[in-house]
N, C-alpha and C. Protein backbone atom coordinates (compact mmCIF):
# COMPACT_ATOMS: atom_id res chain seq x y z
N MET A 1 40.04 -9.98 8.95
CA MET A 1 38.82 -10.65 9.19
C MET A 1 37.75 -9.55 9.53
N VAL A 2 36.65 -9.62 8.83
CA VAL A 2 35.56 -8.65 8.98
C VAL A 2 34.56 -9.15 10.00
N LYS A 3 34.20 -8.28 10.89
CA LYS A 3 33.21 -8.66 11.92
C LYS A 3 31.85 -7.94 11.58
N PHE A 4 30.78 -8.62 11.94
CA PHE A 4 29.46 -8.09 11.69
C PHE A 4 28.71 -8.03 13.02
N LYS A 5 27.84 -7.04 13.13
CA LYS A 5 26.86 -7.01 14.23
C LYS A 5 25.68 -7.69 13.73
N VAL A 6 25.16 -8.62 14.51
CA VAL A 6 23.99 -9.42 14.16
C VAL A 6 22.95 -9.39 15.25
N LYS A 7 21.74 -9.53 14.88
CA LYS A 7 20.61 -9.60 15.84
C LYS A 7 20.11 -11.03 15.86
N THR A 8 19.99 -11.66 16.97
CA THR A 8 19.59 -13.05 17.08
C THR A 8 18.06 -13.12 16.91
N LYS A 9 17.60 -14.19 16.22
CA LYS A 9 16.13 -14.37 16.03
C LYS A 9 15.63 -15.52 16.90
N ALA A 10 16.54 -16.27 17.52
CA ALA A 10 16.24 -17.39 18.37
C ALA A 10 17.30 -17.44 19.49
N VAL A 11 17.23 -18.31 20.44
CA VAL A 11 18.20 -18.51 21.42
C VAL A 11 19.45 -19.02 20.67
N PHE A 12 20.55 -18.24 20.71
CA PHE A 12 21.67 -18.57 19.93
C PHE A 12 22.94 -18.35 20.78
N ASN A 13 23.79 -19.35 20.88
CA ASN A 13 25.01 -19.33 21.69
C ASN A 13 24.74 -18.75 23.10
N GLY A 14 23.63 -19.15 23.71
CA GLY A 14 23.29 -18.75 25.03
C GLY A 14 22.80 -17.31 25.09
N GLN A 15 22.55 -16.65 23.95
CA GLN A 15 22.04 -15.32 23.96
C GLN A 15 20.55 -15.33 23.70
N PRO A 16 19.72 -14.52 24.36
CA PRO A 16 18.30 -14.58 24.15
C PRO A 16 17.91 -13.98 22.79
N PRO A 17 16.69 -14.27 22.29
CA PRO A 17 16.26 -13.65 21.00
C PRO A 17 16.25 -12.19 21.09
N GLY A 18 16.69 -11.51 19.98
CA GLY A 18 16.63 -10.09 19.93
C GLY A 18 17.93 -9.43 20.42
N SER A 19 18.87 -10.18 20.94
CA SER A 19 20.15 -9.53 21.45
C SER A 19 21.09 -9.29 20.27
N THR A 20 21.90 -8.28 20.39
CA THR A 20 22.87 -7.94 19.33
C THR A 20 24.25 -8.43 19.78
N ILE A 21 24.92 -9.22 18.89
CA ILE A 21 26.23 -9.69 19.18
C ILE A 21 27.12 -9.44 17.98
N GLU A 22 28.46 -9.59 18.12
CA GLU A 22 29.39 -9.46 17.06
C GLU A 22 30.02 -10.84 16.69
N VAL A 23 29.97 -11.18 15.41
CA VAL A 23 30.52 -12.41 14.96
C VAL A 23 31.31 -12.18 13.66
N ASP A 24 32.15 -13.14 13.25
CA ASP A 24 32.91 -12.93 12.00
C ASP A 24 32.00 -13.19 10.78
N GLU A 25 32.50 -12.80 9.64
CA GLU A 25 31.68 -12.80 8.36
C GLU A 25 31.16 -14.13 8.03
N ALA A 26 32.01 -15.17 7.96
CA ALA A 26 31.61 -16.49 7.49
C ALA A 26 30.51 -17.06 8.43
N PHE A 27 30.68 -16.86 9.75
CA PHE A 27 29.73 -17.36 10.69
C PHE A 27 28.38 -16.62 10.56
N ALA A 28 28.48 -15.31 10.35
CA ALA A 28 27.23 -14.55 10.18
C ALA A 28 26.47 -14.96 8.95
N ARG A 29 27.17 -15.05 7.80
CA ARG A 29 26.52 -15.48 6.54
C ARG A 29 25.86 -16.84 6.63
N LYS A 30 26.61 -17.78 7.26
CA LYS A 30 26.07 -19.17 7.48
C LYS A 30 24.78 -19.19 8.23
N TYR A 31 24.74 -18.55 9.39
CA TYR A 31 23.56 -18.63 10.23
C TYR A 31 22.46 -17.66 9.81
N GLU A 32 22.76 -16.67 8.99
CA GLU A 32 21.75 -15.81 8.42
C GLU A 32 20.99 -16.64 7.37
N ALA A 33 21.64 -17.52 6.60
CA ALA A 33 20.97 -18.35 5.64
C ALA A 33 20.06 -19.32 6.30
N LEU A 34 20.37 -19.69 7.49
CA LEU A 34 19.54 -20.66 8.29
C LEU A 34 18.45 -19.94 9.10
N LYS A 35 18.38 -18.58 8.96
CA LYS A 35 17.36 -17.72 9.66
C LYS A 35 17.54 -17.70 11.17
N TYR A 36 18.74 -17.90 11.62
CA TYR A 36 19.02 -17.74 13.06
C TYR A 36 19.41 -16.37 13.45
N LEU A 37 20.03 -15.67 12.44
CA LEU A 37 20.56 -14.38 12.67
C LEU A 37 20.06 -13.38 11.61
N GLU A 38 20.12 -12.07 11.94
CA GLU A 38 19.88 -11.00 10.97
C GLU A 38 21.02 -10.02 11.05
N ILE A 39 21.73 -9.83 9.89
CA ILE A 39 22.91 -8.97 9.91
C ILE A 39 22.46 -7.55 10.00
N VAL A 40 22.95 -6.81 10.95
CA VAL A 40 22.63 -5.44 11.24
C VAL A 40 23.62 -4.54 10.50
N GLY A 41 24.91 -4.80 10.60
CA GLY A 41 25.92 -4.01 9.85
C GLY A 41 27.34 -4.50 10.15
N GLU A 42 28.29 -3.87 9.53
CA GLU A 42 29.65 -4.19 9.74
C GLU A 42 30.24 -3.39 10.90
N VAL A 43 31.13 -4.04 11.65
CA VAL A 43 31.79 -3.36 12.81
C VAL A 43 33.02 -2.66 12.25
N LYS A 44 33.10 -1.36 12.53
CA LYS A 44 34.26 -0.60 12.10
C LYS A 44 35.36 -0.83 13.15
N GLU A 45 36.60 -1.03 12.58
CA GLU A 45 37.73 -1.28 13.48
C GLU A 45 38.11 0.06 14.20
N GLN A 46 38.38 0.07 15.48
CA GLN A 46 38.77 1.23 16.21
C GLN A 46 40.26 1.45 16.12
N LYS A 47 40.64 2.71 15.93
CA LYS A 47 42.05 2.96 15.88
C LYS A 47 42.58 2.98 17.33
N PRO A 48 43.80 2.50 17.52
CA PRO A 48 44.37 2.55 18.86
C PRO A 48 44.51 4.07 19.34
N LYS A 49 44.22 4.32 20.59
CA LYS A 49 44.30 5.64 21.14
C LYS A 49 45.76 6.05 21.30
N ALA A 50 46.09 7.31 21.13
CA ALA A 50 47.44 7.83 21.38
C ALA A 50 47.67 7.82 22.90
N LYS A 51 48.88 7.58 23.27
CA LYS A 51 49.21 7.56 24.68
C LYS A 51 49.25 9.00 25.23
N ALA A 52 48.88 9.14 26.47
CA ALA A 52 48.90 10.48 27.09
C ALA A 52 50.33 10.96 27.25
N ASP A 53 50.49 12.31 27.10
CA ASP A 53 51.84 12.87 27.35
C ASP A 53 52.16 12.75 28.84
N GLU A 54 53.43 12.96 29.13
CA GLU A 54 53.90 12.88 30.54
C GLU A 54 53.21 14.05 31.32
N LYS A 55 52.95 15.16 30.74
CA LYS A 55 52.30 16.26 31.45
C LYS A 55 50.93 15.93 31.88
N GLY A 56 50.27 15.07 31.09
CA GLY A 56 48.85 14.66 31.39
C GLY A 56 48.67 13.79 32.60
N LYS A 57 49.71 13.17 33.06
CA LYS A 57 49.63 12.24 34.22
C LYS A 57 49.63 13.06 35.48
N SER A 58 48.83 12.57 36.45
CA SER A 58 48.85 13.24 37.74
C SER A 58 49.85 12.66 38.70
N ALA A 59 50.15 13.43 39.71
CA ALA A 59 51.14 12.91 40.74
C ALA A 59 50.54 11.84 41.58
N PRO A 60 51.38 10.99 42.12
CA PRO A 60 50.84 9.89 42.96
C PRO A 60 50.12 10.52 44.18
N LYS A 61 49.04 9.94 44.56
CA LYS A 61 48.19 10.44 45.67
C LYS A 61 48.82 10.00 46.99
N LYS A 62 48.68 10.87 47.98
CA LYS A 62 49.15 10.55 49.33
C LYS A 62 48.12 9.74 50.01
N SER A 63 48.49 8.94 51.03
CA SER A 63 47.54 8.16 51.72
C SER A 63 46.75 9.02 52.61
N ALA A 64 45.56 8.59 52.99
CA ALA A 64 44.64 9.42 53.79
C ALA A 64 44.71 9.05 55.25
N THR A 65 45.77 8.39 55.74
CA THR A 65 45.91 8.01 57.15
C THR A 65 46.32 9.18 58.01
N LYS A 66 45.82 9.21 59.21
CA LYS A 66 46.12 10.31 60.12
C LYS A 66 47.47 9.94 60.81
N PRO A 67 48.24 10.95 61.10
CA PRO A 67 49.49 10.68 61.81
C PRO A 67 49.18 10.26 63.21
N THR A 68 49.96 9.33 63.73
CA THR A 68 49.74 8.86 65.07
C THR A 68 50.53 9.72 66.07
N ALA A 69 49.87 10.02 67.21
CA ALA A 69 50.56 10.79 68.26
C ALA A 69 51.48 9.89 69.07
N LYS A 70 52.68 10.33 69.34
CA LYS A 70 53.54 9.52 70.14
C LYS A 70 53.43 9.97 71.59
N THR A 71 53.06 9.10 72.43
CA THR A 71 52.90 9.43 73.90
C THR A 71 53.75 8.50 74.70
N LYS A 72 54.08 9.03 75.84
CA LYS A 72 54.89 8.20 76.79
C LYS A 72 53.94 7.34 77.55
N PRO A 73 54.40 6.19 77.95
CA PRO A 73 53.57 5.31 78.84
C PRO A 73 53.35 6.00 80.18
N LYS A 74 52.21 5.75 80.88
CA LYS A 74 51.89 6.46 82.08
C LYS A 74 52.82 6.06 83.29
N GLY A 75 53.35 4.92 83.25
CA GLY A 75 54.23 4.52 84.32
C GLY A 75 55.58 5.21 84.32
N ASP A 76 56.02 5.79 83.20
CA ASP A 76 57.28 6.42 83.05
C ASP A 76 57.20 7.90 83.54
N LYS A 77 58.22 8.34 84.32
CA LYS A 77 58.30 9.72 84.71
C LYS A 77 59.67 10.26 84.61
């Protein structure tokens, strides 16, 4: 399915006039004929990114809490 970037010429699907949205080809062609949309161009499909190597991952972070001091109660001797 090919997607198109279109510019709205009127309030369309809750979008204000002049906003750019992505719709499928049949939808874009239909509403362009009715003068609701103007086709700007085709959306190129993005290739999935390669996963990071194990070396690229950072070590788990330590918590930033302060160690608590252990004190004896005042009544104990």
